């Protein structure tokens, strides 16, 4: 691993269709492609770690940039995000899952482990790995081994994850330069470019994802319209009854039902108008 081989990957335990909406919100140009049955991979098109940091200071290290992206993706999702990174001096990973504290591990370029053993145990638990066989393989990566450099350590980590369905395309792995990673990712079948197109389009993409998911029928469509109409039908008489009885609680319940019903119908009409425009 040489000084020019800085690279980074974001591995998401979800299919590309699920990852796409949140990836847009990173406001970074990336390539998204499948990495096995249950995984997707995001490859940065740019090299933000070579730019200046906040306030025009020194460039941010690649691990800090990737850790921030992984945390941002994980907070808005129900699936874990694994950031892999390497440069001329070190290599490592950061695992983010929901609002929980991120966990990571680092190896020096020659493979010397400088992380905490507890990190590997937490890593295995959060990814649902085998607590005996998989954890034993991970703990081997934390022990001195003069034959294994940092690149080999990351490949060992990925080998364990193949048991979860992770399969990276050839050429998309530790030790490759950012340019090489981008080239390989772009050549994959079904690869797509993620670009920031403004908040309006980002919100539209997010709504499309919600409607296409398991909550879709309850958000838009005949079932959603029927629920909204029922809320209006039940809310109005309940509100009037509460006002006549001077019952603040029942009146408030009626007002809430009315508001939810009105918002449901308004959302449906707004989405139809947006699609026609």
Protein backbone atom coordinates (compact mmCIF):
# COMPACT_ATOMS: atom_id res chain seq x y z
CA UNK A 1 0.00 0.00 0.00
CA UNK A 2 1.65 3.23 -1.12
CA UNK A 3 1.04 6.90 -0.46
CA UNK A 4 -1.02 7.35 -3.61
CA UNK A 5 -3.45 4.50 -2.92
CA UNK A 6 -5.91 6.42 -0.77
CA UNK A 7 -9.36 4.95 -1.24
CA UNK A 8 -12.72 4.61 0.44
CA UNK A 9 -15.92 2.56 0.22
CA UNK A 10 -19.30 2.82 1.93
CA UNK A 11 -20.95 -0.59 2.32
CA UNK A 12 -24.68 -0.47 3.08
CA UNK A 13 -26.60 -3.56 4.17
CA UNK A 14 -29.55 -2.82 1.90
CA UNK A 15 -30.34 -2.95 -1.81
CA UNK A 16 -29.55 0.04 -4.07
CA UNK A 17 -33.21 1.07 -4.30
CA UNK A 18 -33.32 1.46 -0.53
CA UNK A 19 -29.95 3.21 -0.29
CA UNK A 20 -30.52 5.69 -3.12
CA UNK A 21 -32.83 8.21 -1.36
CA UNK A 22 -30.54 8.66 1.65
CA UNK A 23 -27.41 8.74 -0.49
CA UNK A 24 -28.80 11.80 -2.29
CA UNK A 25 -28.95 13.62 1.04
CA UNK A 26 -25.16 13.35 1.50
CA UNK A 27 -24.88 16.02 -1.21
CA UNK A 28 -21.84 14.24 -2.68
CA UNK A 29 -21.26 12.75 -6.11
CA UNK A 30 -21.05 8.97 -5.76
CA UNK A 31 -21.50 5.79 -7.73
CA UNK A 32 -23.97 3.26 -6.34
CA UNK A 33 -23.94 -0.41 -7.29
CA UNK A 34 -24.96 -3.77 -5.87
CA UNK A 35 -22.49 -5.74 -3.75
CA UNK A 36 -24.27 -9.06 -3.28
CA UNK A 37 -27.79 -10.06 -2.40
CA UNK A 38 -28.13 -7.93 0.73
CA UNK A 39 -25.49 -5.23 0.24
CA UNK A 40 -24.81 -2.13 -1.84
CA UNK A 41 -21.63 -0.11 -2.19
CA UNK A 42 -21.19 3.64 -2.60
CA UNK A 43 -17.95 4.83 -4.21
CA UNK A 44 -17.07 8.56 -3.91
CA UNK A 45 -16.45 10.21 -7.27
CA UNK A 46 -14.52 13.06 -5.70
CA UNK A 47 -11.74 13.15 -3.13
CA UNK A 48 -13.00 15.49 -0.37
CA UNK A 49 -10.20 14.39 1.96
CA UNK A 50 -7.78 16.23 -0.37
CA UNK A 51 -9.65 19.52 -0.04
CA UNK A 52 -9.53 21.93 2.86
CA UNK A 53 -11.33 21.22 6.07
CA UNK A 54 -13.99 23.40 7.72
CA UNK A 55 -12.88 27.02 7.94
CA UNK A 56 -10.24 26.58 5.23
CA UNK A 57 -7.84 24.62 7.43
CA UNK A 58 -5.90 21.45 6.69
CA UNK A 59 -7.60 18.64 4.73
CA UNK A 60 -9.68 16.25 6.80
CA UNK A 61 -8.35 12.68 7.11
CA UNK A 62 -10.12 10.13 4.95
CA UNK A 63 -11.32 8.17 8.01
CA UNK A 64 -13.04 11.25 9.44
CA UNK A 65 -14.76 12.05 6.14
CA UNK A 66 -15.98 8.46 5.72
CA UNK A 67 -17.05 8.18 9.35
CA UNK A 68 -19.21 11.28 8.97
CA UNK A 69 -20.87 9.93 5.85
CA UNK A 70 -21.52 6.53 7.45
CA UNK A 71 -23.11 8.15 10.52
CA UNK A 72 -25.31 10.40 8.37
CA UNK A 73 -26.59 7.43 6.36
CA UNK A 74 -27.16 5.20 9.39
CA UNK A 75 -29.10 7.77 11.42
CA UNK A 76 -31.76 7.99 8.73
CA UNK A 77 -32.01 4.24 8.08
CA UNK A 78 -32.74 0.89 9.68
CA UNK A 79 -29.67 -0.80 8.20
CA UNK A 80 -25.98 -0.58 9.19
CA UNK A 81 -23.35 1.24 7.17
CA UNK A 82 -19.72 0.15 7.06
CA UNK A 83 -17.07 2.63 5.92
CA UNK A 84 -13.77 1.15 4.71
CA UNK A 85 -10.81 3.46 4.13
CA UNK A 86 -7.07 3.33 3.56
CA UNK A 87 -4.17 5.67 2.82
CA UNK A 88 -0.38 5.52 2.85
CA UNK A 89 -0.15 5.28 6.64
CA UNK A 90 -3.20 3.44 7.94
CA UNK A 91 -6.34 1.52 7.07
CA UNK A 92 -9.49 0.73 8.97
CA UNK A 93 -13.25 0.70 9.22
CA UNK A 94 -16.08 2.56 10.89
CA UNK A 95 -19.42 0.85 11.52
CA UNK A 96 -22.48 3.04 12.05
CA UNK A 97 -25.90 1.72 13.05
CA UNK A 98 -28.78 4.04 13.89
CA UNK A 99 -28.16 6.44 16.75
CA UNK A 100 -25.72 4.14 18.51
CA UNK A 101 -22.09 5.13 18.98
CA UNK A 102 -19.97 4.24 15.99
CA UNK A 103 -17.38 1.51 16.35
CA UNK A 104 -14.12 1.27 14.42
CA UNK A 105 -10.70 -0.31 14.16
CA UNK A 106 -7.37 0.83 12.69
CA UNK A 107 -4.26 -0.92 11.41
CA UNK A 108 -0.97 0.74 10.52
CA UNK A 109 0.25 0.28 6.94
CA UNK A 110 2.40 -2.71 7.97
CA UNK A 111 -0.64 -4.39 9.55
CA UNK A 112 0.10 -3.51 13.17
CA UNK A 113 -3.24 -3.41 15.04
CA UNK A 114 -3.86 -0.22 17.02
CA UNK A 115 -7.55 -0.65 17.87
CA UNK A 116 -9.39 -2.13 20.85
CA UNK A 117 -10.42 -5.79 20.90
CA UNK A 118 -13.87 -4.78 22.18
CA UNK A 119 -14.51 -3.05 18.87
CA UNK A 120 -14.45 -6.38 17.03
CA UNK A 121 -16.92 -7.94 19.46
CA UNK A 122 -19.28 -5.00 19.03
CA UNK A 123 -18.80 -5.18 15.27
CA UNK A 124 -19.80 -8.84 15.20
CA UNK A 125 -22.83 -8.29 17.43
CA UNK A 126 -24.23 -5.37 15.45
CA UNK A 127 -23.94 -7.24 12.15
CA UNK A 128 -25.42 -10.42 13.57
CA UNK A 129 -22.31 -12.50 12.90
CA UNK A 130 -21.64 -15.90 14.41
CA UNK A 131 -20.45 -15.24 17.99
CA UNK A 132 -18.00 -18.13 17.82
CA UNK A 133 -16.64 -18.82 14.33
CA UNK A 134 -16.96 -15.31 12.87
CA UNK A 135 -15.78 -13.60 16.04
CA UNK A 136 -12.76 -15.91 16.20
CA UNK A 137 -11.82 -14.91 12.63
CA UNK A 138 -12.22 -11.22 13.49
CA UNK A 139 -10.12 -11.51 16.62
CA UNK A 140 -7.30 -13.01 14.51
CA UNK A 141 -7.15 -9.63 12.76
CA UNK A 142 -6.32 -7.92 16.06
CA UNK A 143 -3.24 -10.06 16.75
CA UNK A 144 0.30 -9.36 15.48
CA UNK A 145 1.07 -10.99 12.13
CA UNK A 146 4.25 -9.98 10.27
CA UNK A 147 2.86 -11.54 7.06
CA UNK A 148 -0.29 -9.36 6.95
CA UNK A 149 -0.25 -5.66 6.04
CA UNK A 150 -3.20 -3.28 6.39
CA UNK A 151 -4.59 -4.26 3.00
CA UNK A 152 -4.58 -7.94 3.98
CA UNK A 153 -6.33 -7.10 7.26
CA UNK A 154 -9.19 -5.40 5.42
CA UNK A 155 -9.45 -8.30 2.98
CA UNK A 156 -9.74 -10.62 5.98
CA UNK A 157 -12.55 -8.48 7.35
CA UNK A 158 -14.37 -8.64 4.01
CA UNK A 159 -13.90 -12.42 3.89
CA UNK A 160 -15.87 -12.74 7.11
CA UNK A 161 -18.63 -10.52 5.71
CA UNK A 162 -19.06 -12.74 2.65
CA UNK A 163 -21.00 -15.03 4.98
CA UNK A 164 -23.63 -12.27 5.23
CA UNK A 165 -23.98 -12.11 1.43
CA UNK A 166 -21.45 -9.35 0.74
CA UNK A 167 -19.75 -9.75 -2.64
CA UNK A 168 -17.61 -6.91 -3.96
CA UNK A 169 -16.89 -6.86 -7.71
CA UNK A 170 -13.27 -7.66 -8.67
CA UNK A 171 -11.11 -4.56 -8.48
CA UNK A 172 -13.35 -2.91 -5.91
CA UNK A 173 -11.43 -3.53 -2.73
CA UNK A 174 -8.74 -2.47 -0.27
CA UNK A 175 -5.52 -1.01 -1.61
CA UNK A 176 -6.98 0.37 -4.84
CA UNK A 177 -6.75 4.10 -5.56
CA UNK A 178 -9.85 6.31 -5.54
CA UNK A 179 -9.59 6.67 -9.33
CA UNK A 180 -9.44 2.90 -9.83
CA UNK A 181 -12.42 2.34 -7.51
CA UNK A 182 -14.47 4.90 -9.40
CA UNK A 183 -13.60 3.32 -12.75
CA UNK A 184 -14.49 -0.20 -11.61
CA UNK A 185 -17.75 0.88 -9.97
CA UNK A 186 -18.84 2.79 -13.05
CA UNK A 187 -18.31 -0.27 -15.23
CA UNK A 188 -20.65 -2.45 -13.17
CA UNK A 189 -23.99 -3.43 -14.64
CA UNK A 190 -26.75 -1.36 -13.07
CA UNK A 191 -24.38 1.18 -11.54
CA UNK A 192 -25.92 4.63 -11.14
CA UNK A 193 -24.58 8.07 -10.36
CA UNK A 194 -25.81 9.81 -7.21
CA UNK A 195 -25.83 13.59 -7.53
CA UNK A 196 -27.25 16.38 -5.40
CA UNK A 197 -30.07 18.08 -7.31
CA UNK A 198 -31.41 20.42 -4.63
CA UNK A 199 -33.78 19.97 -1.72
CA UNK A 200 -36.92 19.81 -3.85
CA UNK A 201 -35.72 16.81 -5.83
CA UNK A 202 -34.24 15.22 -2.70
CA UNK A 203 -37.61 15.39 -0.93
CA UNK A 204 -39.33 14.00 -4.02
CA UNK A 205 -36.90 11.06 -4.12
CA UNK A 206 -37.48 10.39 -0.43
CA UNK A 207 -41.26 10.42 -0.85
CA UNK A 208 -40.98 8.07 -3.81
CA UNK A 209 -39.01 5.66 -1.64
CA UNK A 210 -41.60 5.78 1.15
CA UNK A 211 -44.46 5.18 -1.29
CA UNK A 212 -42.62 2.27 -2.88
CA UNK A 213 -42.01 0.65 0.51
CA UNK A 214 -44.25 -1.28 2.89
CA UNK A 215 -45.91 1.95 4.09
CA UNK A 216 -46.81 2.99 0.56
CA UNK A 217 -50.46 1.81 0.57
CA UNK A 218 -51.05 3.72 3.82
CA UNK A 219 -49.48 6.93 2.46
CA UNK A 220 -50.95 7.14 -1.03
CA UNK A 221 -53.51 5.29 -3.11
CA UNK A 222 -57.08 4.01 -2.58
CA UNK A 223 -56.41 2.76 0.94
CA UNK A 224 -54.80 6.04 2.00
CA UNK A 225 -57.67 8.06 0.51
CA UNK A 226 -60.23 5.87 2.28
CA UNK A 227 -58.47 6.37 5.60
CA UNK A 228 -58.32 10.13 5.10
CA UNK A 229 -62.02 10.26 4.22
CA UNK A 230 -62.89 8.17 7.28
CA UNK A 231 -60.88 10.52 9.49
CA UNK A 232 -62.78 13.51 8.12
CA UNK A 233 -66.13 11.75 8.53
CA UNK A 234 -65.37 10.80 12.13
CA UNK A 235 -63.57 14.00 13.09
CA UNK A 236 -66.26 16.55 12.25
CA UNK A 237 -69.11 15.11 14.37
CA UNK A 238 -66.66 14.36 17.19
CA UNK A 239 -65.44 17.95 17.16
CA UNK A 240 -69.00 19.32 17.17
CA UNK A 241 -70.03 16.94 19.96
CA UNK A 242 -67.05 17.98 22.05
CA UNK A 243 -67.81 21.66 21.55
CA UNK A 244 -71.47 21.21 22.54
CA UNK A 245 -70.49 19.22 25.63
CA UNK A 246 -67.68 21.65 26.39
CA UNK A 247 -65.29 18.71 26.46
CA UNK A 248 -61.85 19.92 25.47
CA UNK A 249 -60.50 16.38 25.14
CA UNK A 250 -63.13 15.15 22.69
CA UNK A 251 -62.99 18.39 20.75
CA UNK A 252 -59.22 18.07 20.46
CA UNK A 253 -59.54 14.45 19.30
CA UNK A 254 -62.01 15.54 16.62
CA UNK A 255 -59.71 18.36 15.51
CA UNK A 256 -56.78 15.96 15.21
CA UNK A 257 -58.81 13.54 13.08
CA UNK A 258 -59.95 16.39 10.86
CA UNK A 259 -56.39 17.66 10.45
CA UNK A 260 -55.02 14.20 9.64
CA UNK A 261 -57.75 13.54 7.10
CA UNK A 262 -57.28 16.91 5.43
CA UNK A 263 -53.50 16.47 5.29
CA UNK A 264 -53.87 12.99 3.81
CA UNK A 265 -56.06 14.20 0.98
CA UNK A 266 -53.90 17.30 0.44
CA UNK A 267 -50.77 15.14 0.23
CA UNK A 268 -52.38 12.90 -2.38
CA UNK A 269 -53.41 15.88 -4.53
CA UNK A 270 -50.03 17.57 -4.16
CA UNK A 271 -48.19 14.44 -5.28
CA UNK A 272 -50.43 14.07 -8.32
CA UNK A 273 -49.84 17.72 -9.23
CA UNK A 274 -46.07 17.29 -8.81
CA UNK A 275 -46.05 14.29 -11.14
CA UNK A 276 -47.99 16.18 -13.80
CA UNK A 277 -45.57 19.12 -13.65
